[in-house]
C-alpha atoms as a PDB file:
ATOM      1  CA  MET A   1       3.781  20.392  27.491  1.00  0.00           C
ATOM      2  CA  TRP A   2       5.840  23.519  27.109  1.00  0.00           C
ATOM      3  CA  LYS A   3       8.409  22.245  29.654  1.00  0.00           C
ATOM      4  CA  HIS A   4       9.259  19.257  27.516  1.00  0.00           C
ATOM      5  CA  LEU A   5      10.641  21.285  24.623  1.00  0.00           C
ATOM      6  CA  SER A   6      14.376  21.636  24.368  1.00  0.00           C
ATOM      7  CA  ARG A   7      16.216  24.860  23.699  1.00  0.00           C
ATOM      8  CA  ALA A   8      17.010  23.799  20.158  1.00  0.00           C
ATOM      9  CA  GLN A   9      13.298  23.128  19.465  1.00  0.00           C
ATOM     10  CA  TRP A  10      12.373  26.624  20.785  1.00  0.00           C
ATOM     11  CA  VAL A  11      14.998  28.253  18.573  1.00  0.00           C
ATOM     12  CA  ALA A  12      13.902  26.263  15.533  1.00  0.00           C
ATOM     13  CA  ALA A  13      10.253  27.154  16.172  1.00  0.00           C
ATOM     14  CA  TRP A  14      11.088  30.876  16.501  1.00  0.00           C
ATOM     15  CA  CYS A  15      13.138  30.825  13.299  1.00  0.00           C
ATOM     16  CA  ALA A  16      10.361  29.059  11.433  1.00  0.00           C
ATOM     17  CA  ALA A  17       7.781  31.539  12.727  1.00  0.00           C
ATOM     18  CA  THR A  18       9.955  34.476  11.645  1.00  0.00           C
ATOM     19  CA  ILE A  19      10.448  32.986   8.150  1.00  0.00           C
ATOM     20  CA  VAL A  20       6.707  32.413   7.799  1.00  0.00           C
ATOM     21  CA  ILE A  21       5.879  35.954   8.939  1.00  0.00           C
ATOM     22  CA  GLY A  22       8.462  37.353   6.447  1.00  0.00           C
ATOM     23  CA  ALA A  23       7.140  35.225   3.600  1.00  0.00           C
ATOM     24  CA  CYS A  24       3.539  36.176   4.361  1.00  0.00           C
ATOM     25  CA  SER A  25       4.400  39.875   4.340  1.00  0.00           C
ATOM     26  CA  VAL A  26       6.123  39.552   0.980  1.00  0.00           C
ATOM     27  CA  VAL A  27       3.115  37.580  -0.470  1.00  0.00           C
ATOM     28  CA  ALA A  28       0.756  40.207   0.937  1.00  0.00           C
ATOM     29  CA  GLY A  29       2.598  42.837  -1.046  1.00  0.00           C
ATOM     30  CA  ALA A  30       4.904  44.480   1.424  1.00  0.00           C
ATOM     31  CA  THR A  31       8.008  45.839  -0.172  1.00  0.00           C
ATOM     32  CA  MET A  32      11.210  44.460   1.257  1.00  0.00           C
ATOM     33  CA  SER A  33      13.228  47.569   1.878  1.00  0.00           C
ATOM     34  CA  LEU A  34      16.321  47.978   4.038  1.00  0.00           C
ATOM     35  CA  GLY A  35      14.227  49.205   6.985  1.00  0.00           C
ATOM     36  CA  ASN A  36      11.743  46.324   6.766  1.00  0.00           C
ATOM     37  CA  GLY A  37      14.580  43.829   6.472  1.00  0.00           C
ATOM     38  CA  ALA A  38      16.339  45.268   9.508  1.00  0.00           C
ATOM     39  CA  VAL A  39      13.156  45.161  11.595  1.00  0.00           C
ATOM     40  CA  LEU A  40      12.503  41.574  10.543  1.00  0.00           C
ATOM     41  CA  LEU A  41      16.100  40.621  11.348  1.00  0.00           C
ATOM     42  CA  VAL A  42      15.975  42.176  14.807  1.00  0.00           C
ATOM     43  CA  ALA A  43      12.589  40.603  15.490  1.00  0.00           C
ATOM     44  CA  GLY A  44      13.891  37.222  14.410  1.00  0.00           C
ATOM     45  CA  LEU A  45      17.301  37.133  16.019  1.00  0.00           C
ATOM     46  CA  GLY A  46      16.861  39.359  19.051  1.00  0.00           C
ATOM     47  CA  PRO A  47      14.796  37.017  21.202  1.00  0.00           C
ATOM     48  CA  ILE A  48      16.919  34.026  20.238  1.00  0.00           C
ATOM     49  CA  VAL A  49      20.121  35.757  21.286  1.00  0.00           C
ATOM     50  CA  LEU A  50      18.498  36.897  24.524  1.00  0.00           C
ATOM     51  CA  MET A  51      17.170  33.416  25.258  1.00  0.00           C
ATOM     52  CA  LEU A  52      20.553  31.808  24.711  1.00  0.00           C
ATOM     53  CA  CYS A  53      22.308  34.360  26.939  1.00  0.00           C
ATOM     54  CA  VAL A  54      19.822  34.087  29.793  1.00  0.00           C
ATOM     55  CA  TRP A  55      18.783  30.421  29.706  1.00  0.00           C
ATOM     56  CA  ARG A  56      21.551  28.465  31.471  1.00  0.00           C
ATOM     57  CA  ARG A  57      21.786  24.823  32.139  1.00  0.00           C
ATOM     58  CA  ALA A  58      21.928  23.386  35.634  1.00  0.00           C
ATOM     59  CA  PRO A  59      25.391  23.781  37.194  1.00  0.00           C
ATOM     60  CA  VAL A  60      27.620  20.742  36.937  1.00  0.00           C
ATOM     61  CA  ILE A  61      28.340  19.086  40.247  1.00  0.00           C
ATOM     62  CA  THR A  62      32.020  18.718  41.081  1.00  0.00           C
ATOM     63  CA  VAL A  63      33.678  15.572  42.432  1.00  0.00           C
ATOM     64  CA  ALA A  64      34.406  17.286  45.725  1.00  0.00           C
ATOM     65  CA  ALA A  65      30.756  18.292  46.185  1.00  0.00           C
ATOM     66  CA  LEU A  66      29.639  14.761  45.304  1.00  0.00           C
ATOM     67  CA  VAL A  67      32.022  13.171  47.816  1.00  0.00           C
ATOM     68  CA  ASP A  68      30.837  15.684  50.422  1.00  0.00           C
ATOM     69  CA  LEU A  69      27.200  14.784  49.779  1.00  0.00           C
ATOM     70  CA  VAL A  70      27.923  11.035  50.028  1.00  0.00           C
ATOM     71  CA  ASN A  71      30.013  11.227  53.176  1.00  0.00           C
ATOM     72  CA  ARG A  72      27.797  13.755  55.053  1.00  0.00           C
ATOM     73  CA  PRO A  73      25.902  12.079  57.925  1.00  0.00           C
ATOM     74  CA  SER A  74      22.146  12.246  57.609  1.00  0.00           C
ATOM     75  CA  ARG A  75      20.033  14.275  59.988  1.00  0.00           C
ATOM     76  CA  GLU A  76      18.532  11.119  61.440  1.00  0.00           C
ATOM     77  CA  ASP A  77      21.987   9.907  62.553  1.00  0.00           C
ATOM     78  CA  ARG A  78      22.720  13.138  64.438  1.00  0.00           C
ATOM     79  CA  SER A  79      19.951  12.792  67.035  1.00  0.00           C
END
């Protein structure tokens, strides 16, 4: 199930979770000071930035590599 989620869905879920946690902390009575806001901002944006930097898509195949794959004789033909 987790493999079927796209990168955009993961980012949206993380942003929603961060907003919900921030809203719950304000409702619970936590004062929103500069320090609390900075911690919430880092906790919300840090993992997203890291995920977007590390999570790459599959490399795009070039035309030359595709032609080489098509024209390469199979192992069964070599024997």
